[in-house]
Protein backbone atom coordinates (compact mmCIF):
# COMPACT_ATOMS: atom_id res chain seq x y z
CA UNK A 1 112.80 159.45 24.61
CA UNK A 2 110.20 161.40 26.51
CA UNK A 3 107.66 158.71 25.81
CA UNK A 4 109.95 155.92 26.89
CA UNK A 5 110.86 157.84 30.03
CA UNK A 6 107.16 158.44 30.66
CA UNK A 7 106.44 154.76 30.16
CA UNK A 8 109.24 153.74 32.46
CA UNK A 9 108.07 156.19 35.09
CA UNK A 10 104.49 154.91 34.82
CA UNK A 11 105.72 151.30 34.92
CA UNK A 12 107.86 152.11 37.96
CA UNK A 13 104.89 153.79 39.69
CA UNK A 14 102.65 150.81 38.93
CA UNK A 15 105.34 148.44 40.19
CA UNK A 16 105.74 150.50 43.39
CA UNK A 17 101.97 150.59 43.80
CA UNK A 18 101.79 146.81 43.41
CA UNK A 19 104.63 146.37 45.91
CA UNK A 20 102.86 148.67 48.35
CA UNK A 21 99.63 146.68 47.98
CA UNK A 22 101.56 143.42 48.34
CA UNK A 23 103.32 144.74 51.45
CA UNK A 24 99.99 145.94 52.87
CA UNK A 25 98.46 142.49 52.24
CA UNK A 26 101.43 140.81 53.88
CA UNK A 27 101.12 143.15 56.86
CA UNK A 28 97.41 142.31 57.12
CA UNK A 29 98.15 138.60 56.95
CA UNK A 30 100.88 138.91 59.60
CA UNK A 31 98.54 140.94 61.81
CA UNK A 32 95.80 138.31 61.45
CA UNK A 33 98.27 135.57 62.28
CA UNK A 34 99.51 137.50 65.31
CA UNK A 35 95.94 138.05 66.55
CA UNK A 36 95.06 134.39 65.96
CA UNK A 37 98.20 133.33 67.87
CA UNK A 38 97.34 135.66 70.76
CA UNK A 39 93.76 134.35 70.79
CA UNK A 40 95.01 130.74 70.84
CA UNK A 41 97.46 131.45 73.68
CA UNK A 42 94.74 133.22 75.62
CA UNK A 43 92.36 130.26 75.18
CA UNK A 44 95.13 127.86 76.18
CA UNK A 45 95.88 129.86 79.34
CA UNK A 46 92.17 130.01 80.17
CA UNK A 47 91.82 126.25 79.70
CA UNK A 48 94.88 125.59 81.88
CA UNK A 49 93.54 127.95 84.55
CA UNK A 50 90.17 126.15 84.55
CA UNK A 51 91.87 122.74 84.74
CA UNK A 52 93.99 123.95 87.66
CA UNK A 53 90.92 125.30 89.48
CA UNK A 54 89.06 122.05 88.84
CA UNK A 55 92.02 120.03 90.16
CA UNK A 56 92.21 122.20 93.29
CA UNK A 57 88.47 121.79 93.90
CA UNK A 58 88.78 118.02 93.44
CA UNK A 59 91.71 117.88 95.91
CA UNK A 60 89.79 119.97 98.43
CA UNK A 61 86.74 117.73 98.06
CA UNK A 62 88.89 114.61 98.44
CA UNK A 63 90.58 116.07 101.53
CA UNK A 64 87.18 116.95 103.03
CA UNK A 65 85.89 113.42 102.38
CA UNK A 66 89.04 111.92 103.94
CA UNK A 67 88.72 114.21 106.97
CA UNK A 68 85.07 113.26 107.36
CA UNK A 69 85.97 109.56 107.11
CA UNK A 70 88.70 109.93 109.76
CA UNK A 71 86.29 111.81 112.02
CA UNK A 72 83.66 109.08 111.59
CA UNK A 73 86.22 106.37 112.41
CA UNK A 74 87.28 108.32 115.51
CA UNK A 75 83.65 108.70 116.62
CA UNK A 76 83.04 104.97 116.06
CA UNK A 77 86.17 104.16 118.07
CA UNK A 78 85.09 106.42 120.94
CA UNK A 79 81.58 104.91 120.92
CA UNK A 80 83.03 101.38 120.88
CA UNK A 81 85.37 102.19 123.79
CA UNK A 82 82.47 103.72 125.75
CA UNK A 83 80.34 100.62 125.14
CA UNK A 84 83.23 98.36 126.18
CA UNK A 85 83.76 100.43 129.34
CA UNK A 86 80.06 100.33 130.25
CA UNK A 87 79.91 96.61 129.54
CA UNK A 88 82.95 95.89 131.72
CA UNK A 89 81.49 97.99 134.54
CA UNK A 90 78.16 96.19 134.21
CA UNK A 91 79.87 92.79 134.26
CA UNK A 92 81.82 93.73 137.40
CA UNK A 93 78.61 94.89 139.11
CA UNK A 94 76.86 91.68 138.09
CA UNK A 95 79.72 89.53 139.38
CA UNK A 96 79.69 91.30 142.75
CA UNK A 97 75.92 90.84 142.96
CA UNK A 98 76.21 87.17 142.06
CA UNK A 99 78.92 86.67 144.70
CA UNK A 100 76.50 88.14 147.24
CA UNK A 101 73.73 85.82 146.01
CA UNK A 102 75.82 82.64 146.24
CA UNK A 103 75.89 81.08 149.71
CA UNK A 104 79.55 80.16 149.65
CA UNK A 105 80.78 83.47 148.28
CA UNK A 106 82.76 81.83 145.48
CA UNK A 107 82.93 78.59 143.55
CA UNK A 108 86.36 77.60 144.90
CA UNK A 109 86.36 78.51 148.59
CA UNK A 110 89.54 78.34 150.66
CA UNK A 111 90.00 76.01 153.65
CA UNK A 112 88.36 78.38 156.15
CA UNK A 113 85.20 78.82 154.15
CA UNK A 114 85.16 75.05 153.49
CA UNK A 115 85.16 74.33 157.20
CA UNK A 116 82.53 77.00 157.74
CA UNK A 117 80.41 75.38 155.04
CA UNK A 118 80.84 71.93 156.56
CA UNK A 119 79.94 73.28 160.00
CA UNK A 120 76.88 75.07 158.59
CA UNK A 121 75.85 71.96 156.63
CA UNK A 122 76.16 69.74 159.72
CA UNK A 123 74.28 72.28 161.80
CA UNK A 124 71.48 72.53 159.27
CA UNK A 125 69.00 69.71 159.22
CA UNK A 126 66.83 70.61 156.31
CA UNK A 127 64.63 68.11 154.61
CA UNK A 128 64.77 67.36 150.90
CA UNK A 129 61.55 69.28 150.40
CA UNK A 130 63.04 72.39 152.01
CA UNK A 131 66.13 72.07 149.81
CA UNK A 132 63.97 71.82 146.69
CA UNK A 133 61.91 74.78 147.84
CA UNK A 134 65.09 76.82 148.43
CA UNK A 135 66.43 75.78 145.07
CA UNK A 136 63.16 76.79 143.39
CA UNK A 137 63.28 80.21 145.09
CA UNK A 138 66.92 80.62 144.06
CA UNK A 139 66.16 79.59 140.47
CA UNK A 140 63.26 82.01 140.39
CA UNK A 141 65.42 84.83 141.73
CA UNK A 142 68.24 84.09 139.30
CA UNK A 143 65.94 83.76 136.30
CA UNK A 144 64.03 86.95 137.15
CA UNK A 145 67.27 88.91 137.56
CA UNK A 146 68.57 87.41 134.32
CA UNK A 147 65.31 88.35 132.60
CA UNK A 148 65.60 91.90 133.91
CA UNK A 149 69.17 92.10 132.69
CA UNK A 150 68.21 90.69 129.30
CA UNK A 151 65.27 93.10 128.98
CA UNK A 152 67.39 96.16 129.82
CA UNK A 153 70.14 94.87 127.53
CA UNK A 154 67.66 94.37 124.69
CA UNK A 155 66.38 97.94 124.96
CA UNK A 156 69.93 99.25 124.99
CA UNK A 157 71.00 97.00 122.13
CA UNK A 158 68.16 98.22 119.95
CA UNK A 159 69.77 101.67 120.08
CA UNK A 160 73.23 100.34 119.14
CA UNK A 161 74.74 99.49 115.78
CA UNK A 162 74.91 95.80 114.74
CA UNK A 163 78.67 95.71 115.41
CA UNK A 164 78.28 97.11 118.95
CA UNK A 165 75.36 94.77 119.59
CA UNK A 166 77.35 91.68 118.61
CA UNK A 167 80.30 92.80 120.79
CA UNK A 168 77.97 93.26 123.78
CA UNK A 169 76.35 89.87 123.18
CA UNK A 170 79.76 88.23 123.23
CA UNK A 171 80.75 90.10 126.37
CA UNK A 172 77.52 89.12 128.13
CA UNK A 173 78.09 85.41 127.51
CA UNK A 174 80.32 85.05 130.65
CA UNK A 175 77.49 86.58 132.70
CA UNK A 176 75.26 83.61 131.88
CA UNK A 177 78.10 81.27 132.84
CA UNK A 178 78.61 83.03 136.16
CA UNK A 179 74.86 82.69 136.83
CA UNK A 180 75.23 78.95 136.32
CA UNK A 181 78.26 78.91 138.66
CA UNK A 182 76.27 80.74 141.33
CA UNK A 183 73.49 78.20 140.99
CA UNK A 184 75.94 75.29 141.27
CA UNK A 185 77.60 76.95 144.29
CA UNK A 186 74.20 77.30 145.91
CA UNK A 187 73.47 73.63 145.23
CA UNK A 188 76.89 72.58 146.62
CA UNK A 189 76.46 74.60 149.78
CA UNK A 190 72.91 73.22 150.26
CA UNK A 191 74.27 69.67 149.91
């Protein structure tokens, strides 16, 4: 009986020892799993944080680009308005100069200026040669002033963008027409 009790005791101790080792192994495995899970969660958080930072940087960059684009559009608009304003002022100055150059003052004079023109034409007794000479002088004056205007416009246009240059060219087209009107008014009043 002592032997069997001794055997049972030894068997029980071995069993308890095995259970302890098994429990220790399980604890180690659980600890490893817990550490691995913590590591994975930490990496996931880090990745999400980096993605969030990258997204914020991208949004900031996009907002900066949009702001820069809006600012550029505003500057272009201001420059365009300034060019339009200068062009309109220049056209008005040119028209007043051309009205001073023309003998009748305008292409469609009223009844008083018509009678004044008729009176002046009847009073004048210029020969055809004098008329041609006057016309030549007038043509010379008009063409030289047009050349000066074109030269100054060309130097200014070379400093402008292609869009501004084309707008100015279109706006200057009436100036050439008004030069032709002044010439025809001069011819009418000479006749």
